[in-house]
Amino acid sequence: MRLLDRAAVRALLDPDALVEAVSQGLVDLSTGRASVPPRVAAWIGEVGLLAAMPAYSETLGVATAKLLTVYPGNAAVDLPVHQALVAVFAPEDGTLRALMDGDLITADRTAAASALSVRALARPDARVLAVLGTGPQARAHARYVAPTRPFEEVRIGGRDPHKVAALVDELAGQGLAARGCTIDAALRDADVICAATSTLRPLVGADGLPDGAHVASVGYVPEGREVDAAVLTRAQLVVEHRATALAPFPVGSNDLAELVERGKIHPDVVVELGEVLCGLRPGRAGDDQPTVFKSVGVGVLDAAAAAVVLAAAERTGAGAEVAL
């Protein structure tokens, strides 16, 4: 078995290869070539949860299982809200092939899916990108989404100006010019919005949202709401997997599930990103209607990232071979 720590995963996870693998995984999911059962979770008192996410993708040729903790209160004490590890198994005989750190995988595979949603759904003339948040997901979204359009401005919006400034400096060191500001300032006239926060109250409302704006919302906490219902009920809604996204937390999205339960949206109007990517469903419906990609995270995304990391590790000999 190959053991890959966080530094190894960071060195091996090529962004272009990841975006392509995530696209393949999502198409597999929407065409019946992937097995992704609902996420299960054990609640740890009132402070957090431990979730398990198994998946198999025929095209990617891997079976994976991720163990993930979600502790929303960690954000207040500068600890990660999400922490994870991923096990990779050989589909042909069930052999454990690798065990790898899952924190970077979780952030980057989510951002890769959002980048695919921007490619497929954002207006071609989008010029302003707003990234809300200052954590690992926000960092990954700035890196993965910025190259999808010729953005004239990238804004990083957050509540803590020191964290905003630190992220802007870090991105500048990676060659990405961004401007730090408040969340309200970041949202003003933004064409593409990536919300990667732990907020409980909606940040993206209908007021001031430009016609045809695209929103990628990836915040995932109990009772979390990043996008106001007034936006969701008029937007073209896109998810990774319909049945998953419309289930209650900890499987799906509270905001979407409640709107379905109240009869505000019909499940049939919700489109899977994999369906758009392979041409089974149309992409953007019109220039004026907003589009919202609501991500809850599905196991096939982890399988995609793990496949990229493992293939690179086997080519280069990275990681340590251990026997359990």
Protein backbone atom coordinates (compact mmCIF):
# COMPACT_ATOMS: atom_id res chain seq x y z
CA MET A 1 0.00 0.00 0.00
CA ARG A 2 1.23 3.49 -0.86
CA LEU A 3 1.03 6.14 1.86
CA LEU A 4 0.80 9.74 0.63
CA ASP A 5 0.94 12.66 3.06
CA ARG A 6 -0.32 16.18 2.45
CA ALA A 7 2.90 17.40 0.86
CA ALA A 8 2.90 14.48 -1.57
CA VAL A 9 -0.73 15.04 -2.51
CA ARG A 10 -0.03 18.73 -3.12
CA ALA A 11 2.89 17.90 -5.41
CA LEU A 12 1.00 15.23 -7.37
CA LEU A 13 -2.45 16.81 -7.81
CA ASP A 14 -2.19 18.45 -11.24
CA PRO A 15 -5.07 20.95 -11.71
CA ASP A 16 -5.65 20.29 -15.42
CA ALA A 17 -5.67 16.53 -14.91
CA LEU A 18 -8.01 16.93 -11.95
CA VAL A 19 -10.56 19.01 -13.88
CA GLU A 20 -10.61 16.38 -16.63
CA ALA A 21 -10.97 13.53 -14.11
CA VAL A 22 -13.79 15.31 -12.25
CA SER A 23 -15.57 15.81 -15.58
CA GLN A 24 -15.27 12.08 -16.32
CA GLY A 25 -16.50 11.19 -12.85
CA LEU A 26 -19.53 13.47 -13.07
CA VAL A 27 -20.46 12.08 -16.48
CA ASP A 28 -20.13 8.55 -15.09
CA LEU A 29 -22.42 9.54 -12.23
CA SER A 30 -25.08 10.93 -14.57
CA THR A 31 -24.93 8.02 -17.01
CA GLY A 32 -25.04 5.13 -14.55
CA ARG A 33 -21.36 4.16 -14.77
CA ALA A 34 -20.60 5.16 -11.17
CA SER A 35 -21.79 3.79 -7.84
CA VAL A 36 -22.09 6.51 -5.21
CA PRO A 37 -24.30 5.62 -2.22
CA PRO A 38 -25.56 8.40 0.06
CA ARG A 39 -23.13 9.83 2.57
CA VAL A 40 -23.55 8.48 6.12
CA ALA A 41 -22.53 10.39 9.23
CA ALA A 42 -22.14 9.88 12.95
CA TRP A 43 -22.96 12.99 14.96
CA ILE A 44 -20.40 13.83 17.63
CA GLY A 45 -22.48 15.56 20.25
CA GLU A 46 -23.44 19.00 19.00
CA VAL A 47 -19.97 20.01 17.80
CA GLY A 48 -19.36 18.00 14.65
CA LEU A 49 -19.81 14.89 12.58
CA LEU A 50 -17.80 12.04 11.09
CA ALA A 51 -18.93 11.12 7.57
CA ALA A 52 -18.10 8.25 5.22
CA MET A 53 -18.22 8.62 1.43
CA PRO A 54 -17.56 5.49 -0.72
CA ALA A 55 -17.55 5.64 -4.52
CA TYR A 56 -16.68 3.71 -7.66
CA SER A 57 -16.19 5.12 -11.17
CA GLU A 58 -15.92 2.78 -14.14
CA THR A 59 -14.09 5.27 -16.35
CA LEU A 60 -11.65 6.35 -13.65
CA GLY A 61 -11.01 2.73 -12.66
CA VAL A 62 -10.86 3.31 -8.91
CA ALA A 63 -12.94 2.53 -5.84
CA THR A 64 -12.45 4.95 -2.96
CA ALA A 65 -13.71 5.71 0.51
CA LYS A 66 -13.28 9.05 2.24
CA LEU A 67 -13.60 9.64 5.96
CA LEU A 68 -14.42 13.28 6.66
CA THR A 69 -15.02 15.33 9.79
CA VAL A 70 -17.02 18.57 9.76
CA TYR A 71 -16.62 20.84 12.78
CA PRO A 72 -18.17 24.26 11.99
CA GLY A 73 -16.92 25.77 15.25
CA ASN A 74 -13.32 25.20 14.24
CA ALA A 75 -13.43 28.30 12.06
CA ALA A 76 -13.51 30.46 15.19
CA VAL A 77 -10.30 28.95 16.57
CA ASP A 78 -8.29 28.77 13.33
CA LEU A 79 -8.68 25.02 12.88
CA PRO A 80 -9.94 23.41 9.66
CA VAL A 81 -13.70 23.01 9.43
CA HIS A 82 -13.20 19.92 7.24
CA GLN A 83 -10.53 17.24 7.74
CA ALA A 84 -10.29 14.06 5.70
CA LEU A 85 -8.40 11.02 4.46
CA VAL A 86 -9.01 8.89 1.37
CA ALA A 87 -8.46 5.15 0.88
CA VAL A 88 -8.09 3.83 -2.69
CA PHE A 89 -8.91 0.23 -3.62
CA ALA A 90 -8.35 -1.77 -6.81
CA PRO A 91 -11.78 -2.46 -8.38
CA GLU A 92 -10.73 -5.83 -9.79
CA ASP A 93 -9.82 -7.49 -6.47
CA GLY A 94 -10.45 -5.02 -3.65
CA THR A 95 -6.77 -4.61 -2.79
CA LEU A 96 -5.97 -1.49 -0.78
CA ARG A 97 -3.68 0.46 -3.11
CA ALA A 98 -3.20 3.75 -1.28
CA LEU A 99 -4.07 5.85 1.73
CA MET A 100 -3.76 9.60 1.25
CA ASP A 101 -4.43 12.88 3.00
CA GLY A 102 -7.85 14.15 1.99
CA ASP A 103 -7.86 17.81 2.99
CA LEU A 104 -6.36 19.18 -0.22
CA ILE A 105 -8.32 16.62 -2.24
CA THR A 106 -11.59 17.87 -0.73
CA ALA A 107 -10.82 21.52 -1.49
CA ASP A 108 -9.42 21.00 -4.97
CA ARG A 109 -11.95 18.48 -6.29
CA THR A 110 -14.76 20.80 -5.14
CA ALA A 111 -13.14 23.77 -6.87
CA ALA A 112 -12.59 21.70 -10.02
CA ALA A 113 -16.32 20.90 -10.15
CA SER A 114 -17.14 24.58 -9.68
CA ALA A 115 -14.71 25.47 -12.48
CA LEU A 116 -16.54 23.02 -14.76
CA SER A 117 -19.84 24.66 -13.82
CA VAL A 118 -18.41 28.07 -14.76
CA ARG A 119 -17.16 26.75 -18.10
CA ALA A 120 -20.56 25.26 -18.88
CA LEU A 121 -22.92 27.86 -17.42
CA ALA A 122 -21.33 31.29 -16.92
CA ARG A 123 -21.85 33.95 -19.57
CA PRO A 124 -18.97 34.05 -22.08
CA ASP A 125 -18.55 37.78 -21.40
CA ALA A 126 -18.22 37.39 -17.61
CA ARG A 127 -15.59 39.84 -16.39
CA VAL A 128 -15.77 39.99 -12.58
CA LEU A 129 -15.16 36.98 -10.31
CA ALA A 130 -16.07 37.21 -6.62
CA VAL A 131 -14.80 34.56 -4.21
CA LEU A 132 -16.46 34.65 -0.80
CA GLY A 133 -14.47 33.18 2.07
CA THR A 134 -10.85 32.95 3.16
CA GLY A 135 -10.34 29.24 3.90
CA PRO A 136 -8.99 26.32 1.86
CA GLN A 137 -12.10 26.15 -0.34
CA ALA A 138 -11.90 29.85 -1.18
CA ARG A 139 -8.19 29.54 -1.99
CA ALA A 140 -8.83 26.57 -4.29
CA HIS A 141 -11.76 28.28 -6.00
CA ALA A 142 -9.71 31.35 -6.82
CA ARG A 143 -7.01 29.15 -8.38
CA TYR A 144 -9.33 26.86 -10.34
CA VAL A 145 -12.06 29.26 -11.43
CA ALA A 146 -9.98 32.30 -12.42
CA PRO A 147 -8.57 30.60 -15.57
CA THR A 148 -12.05 29.68 -16.89
CA ARG A 149 -12.84 33.15 -18.23
CA PRO A 150 -10.82 36.26 -19.15
CA PHE A 151 -11.76 37.93 -15.87
CA GLU A 152 -10.74 41.55 -15.61
CA GLU A 153 -11.05 41.51 -11.82
CA VAL A 154 -10.87 38.83 -9.14
CA ARG A 155 -12.22 39.84 -5.74
CA ILE A 156 -11.73 38.05 -2.42
CA GLY A 157 -14.50 38.94 0.01
CA GLY A 158 -14.45 38.06 3.68
CA ARG A 159 -15.40 39.21 7.17
CA ASP A 160 -11.87 39.28 8.60
CA PRO A 161 -9.71 41.83 6.75
CA HIS A 162 -6.50 40.22 8.01
CA LYS A 163 -7.47 36.81 6.58
CA VAL A 164 -8.56 38.47 3.34
CA ALA A 165 -5.21 40.25 3.03
CA ALA A 166 -3.30 37.05 3.79
CA LEU A 167 -5.16 35.12 1.08
CA VAL A 168 -4.67 37.92 -1.47
CA ASP A 169 -0.93 37.91 -0.72
CA GLU A 170 -0.77 34.12 -1.02
CA LEU A 171 -2.55 34.18 -4.37
CA ALA A 172 -0.26 36.94 -5.59
CA GLY A 173 2.69 34.71 -4.76
CA GLN A 174 1.13 32.08 -7.04
CA GLY A 175 0.75 34.56 -9.88
CA LEU A 176 -2.95 35.40 -9.40
CA ALA A 177 -3.78 39.07 -8.92
CA ALA A 178 -6.81 39.58 -6.67
CA ARG A 179 -8.32 42.45 -4.72
CA GLY A 180 -9.40 42.04 -1.13
CA CYS A 181 -12.63 43.61 0.09
CA THR A 182 -15.75 43.07 2.17
CA ILE A 183 -18.33 40.50 1.12
CA ASP A 184 -20.77 43.23 0.04
CA ALA A 185 -18.12 44.93 -2.08
CA ALA A 186 -17.09 41.62 -3.64
CA LEU A 187 -20.67 40.89 -4.66
CA ARG A 188 -21.32 44.24 -6.30
CA ASP A 189 -21.94 43.62 -10.03
CA ALA A 190 -20.03 40.31 -9.94
CA ASP A 191 -20.68 38.08 -12.95
CA VAL A 192 -19.43 34.87 -11.31
CA ILE A 193 -19.70 34.27 -7.56
CA CYS A 194 -18.04 31.41 -5.70
CA ALA A 195 -19.37 31.13 -2.16
CA ALA A 196 -17.13 28.99 0.05
CA THR A 197 -18.16 29.95 3.56
CA SER A 198 -19.55 28.56 6.80
CA THR A 199 -22.37 31.09 6.95
CA LEU A 200 -25.82 30.22 8.28
CA ARG A 201 -27.58 33.20 6.68
CA PRO A 202 -27.67 33.86 2.93
CA LEU A 203 -24.93 36.06 1.52
CA VAL A 204 -26.05 36.05 -2.13
CA GLY A 205 -29.39 37.77 -2.55
CA ALA A 206 -31.50 38.80 -5.52
CA ASP A 207 -30.88 42.53 -4.99
CA GLY A 208 -27.95 43.67 -7.08
CA LEU A 209 -27.36 40.29 -8.70
CA PRO A 210 -26.54 40.98 -12.37
CA ASP A 211 -28.69 39.42 -15.07
CA GLY A 212 -27.33 36.03 -15.99
CA ALA A 213 -24.88 35.82 -13.10
CA HIS A 214 -23.50 32.40 -12.22
CA VAL A 215 -23.18 31.29 -8.59
CA ALA A 216 -21.22 28.29 -7.34
CA SER A 217 -22.18 27.61 -3.73
CA VAL A 218 -20.10 25.02 -1.87
CA GLY A 219 -20.67 25.90 1.79
CA TYR A 220 -21.65 22.74 3.66
CA VAL A 221 -22.66 23.09 7.29
CA PRO A 222 -25.85 22.12 9.15
CA GLU A 223 -28.55 24.71 8.47
CA GLY A 224 -26.15 26.63 6.23
CA ARG A 225 -27.55 29.04 3.65
CA GLU A 226 -25.27 30.86 1.21
CA VAL A 227 -27.83 31.71 -1.50
CA ASP A 228 -31.18 33.32 -0.76
CA ALA A 229 -34.34 31.41 -1.70
CA ALA A 230 -35.38 34.32 -3.94
CA VAL A 231 -32.36 33.52 -6.14
CA LEU A 232 -32.77 29.74 -6.02
CA THR A 233 -36.44 29.81 -7.05
CA ARG A 234 -35.75 31.80 -10.23
CA ALA A 235 -32.36 30.34 -11.15
CA GLN A 236 -31.42 27.43 -13.37
CA LEU A 237 -30.33 24.93 -10.71
CA VAL A 238 -27.42 22.55 -11.33
CA VAL A 239 -26.05 19.97 -8.90
CA GLU A 240 -23.59 17.07 -8.91
CA HIS A 241 -26.30 14.45 -8.33
CA ARG A 242 -30.02 15.19 -8.12
CA ALA A 243 -31.06 12.58 -5.55
CA THR A 244 -28.12 13.47 -3.32
CA ALA A 245 -28.51 17.24 -3.47
CA LEU A 246 -32.24 17.15 -2.72
CA ALA A 247 -31.87 14.91 0.34
CA PRO A 248 -31.71 16.39 3.85
CA PHE A 249 -28.39 17.10 5.56
CA PRO A 250 -25.94 15.36 6.06
CA VAL A 251 -26.52 13.91 2.58
CA GLY A 252 -27.78 16.90 0.62
CA SER A 253 -28.48 20.61 0.64
CA ASN A 254 -30.84 21.94 3.30
CA ASP A 255 -31.87 24.95 1.23
CA LEU A 256 -32.77 22.94 -1.88
CA ALA A 257 -34.46 20.13 0.06
CA GLU A 258 -36.66 22.57 1.96
CA LEU A 259 -37.69 24.41 -1.20
CA VAL A 260 -38.72 21.10 -2.78
CA GLU A 261 -40.64 20.12 0.34
CA ARG A 262 -42.48 23.48 0.30
CA GLY A 263 -43.32 23.13 -3.40
CA LYS A 264 -41.20 26.13 -4.38
CA ILE A 265 -39.10 24.14 -6.86
CA HIS A 266 -39.82 20.86 -8.65
CA PRO A 267 -37.11 18.16 -8.56
CA ASP A 268 -37.37 17.69 -12.33
CA VAL A 269 -36.04 21.19 -13.03
CA VAL A 270 -32.78 20.44 -11.19
CA VAL A 271 -30.06 19.49 -13.69
CA GLU A 272 -26.97 17.40 -13.04
CA LEU A 273 -23.67 18.92 -14.14
CA GLY A 274 -22.66 15.60 -15.70
CA GLU A 275 -25.80 15.72 -17.85
CA VAL A 276 -24.74 19.13 -19.15
CA LEU A 277 -21.15 18.05 -19.73
CA CYS A 278 -22.16 15.05 -21.87
CA GLY A 279 -24.98 16.83 -23.70
CA LEU A 280 -27.95 15.04 -22.12
CA ARG A 281 -29.33 18.35 -20.82
CA PRO A 282 -28.82 21.89 -22.13
CA GLY A 283 -26.53 24.34 -20.41
CA ARG A 284 -27.42 27.99 -19.87
CA ALA A 285 -31.09 28.61 -20.64
CA GLY A 286 -30.88 32.36 -21.32
CA ASP A 287 -28.78 35.47 -20.86
CA ASP A 288 -30.99 36.98 -18.13
CA GLN A 289 -31.65 33.97 -15.87
CA PRO A 290 -29.10 33.36 -13.11
CA THR A 291 -27.53 29.93 -12.83
CA VAL A 292 -26.66 28.29 -9.52
CA PHE A 293 -24.39 25.29 -9.07
CA LYS A 294 -25.05 23.93 -5.59
CA SER A 295 -22.34 21.50 -4.54
CA VAL A 296 -22.74 19.18 -1.57
CA GLY A 297 -19.74 17.01 -2.41
CA VAL A 298 -20.13 13.47 -3.77
CA GLY A 299 -17.74 10.56 -3.52
CA VAL A 300 -17.01 10.35 -7.23
CA LEU A 301 -15.18 13.70 -6.96
CA ASP A 302 -12.87 12.18 -4.36
CA ALA A 303 -12.39 9.17 -6.62
CA ALA A 304 -11.39 11.51 -9.45
CA ALA A 305 -8.80 13.31 -7.35
CA ALA A 306 -7.47 10.08 -5.85
CA ALA A 307 -7.09 8.57 -9.34
CA VAL A 308 -5.00 11.56 -10.46
CA VAL A 309 -2.81 11.46 -7.35
CA LEU A 310 -2.29 7.70 -7.43
CA ALA A 311 -1.43 7.63 -11.14
CA ALA A 312 1.17 10.36 -10.63
CA ALA A 313 2.57 8.62 -7.55
CA GLU A 314 2.99 5.35 -9.42
CA ARG A 315 4.73 7.13 -12.30
CA THR A 316 7.16 8.95 -10.04
CA GLY A 317 7.52 6.54 -7.14
CA ALA A 318 6.25 9.15 -4.69
CA GLY A 319 5.03 8.17 -1.24
CA ALA A 320 6.03 5.37 1.08
CA GLU A 321 5.23 1.69 0.54
CA VAL A 322 3.89 0.26 3.81
CA ALA A 323 2.22 -2.95 4.92
CA LEU A 324 -0.64 -2.80 7.38
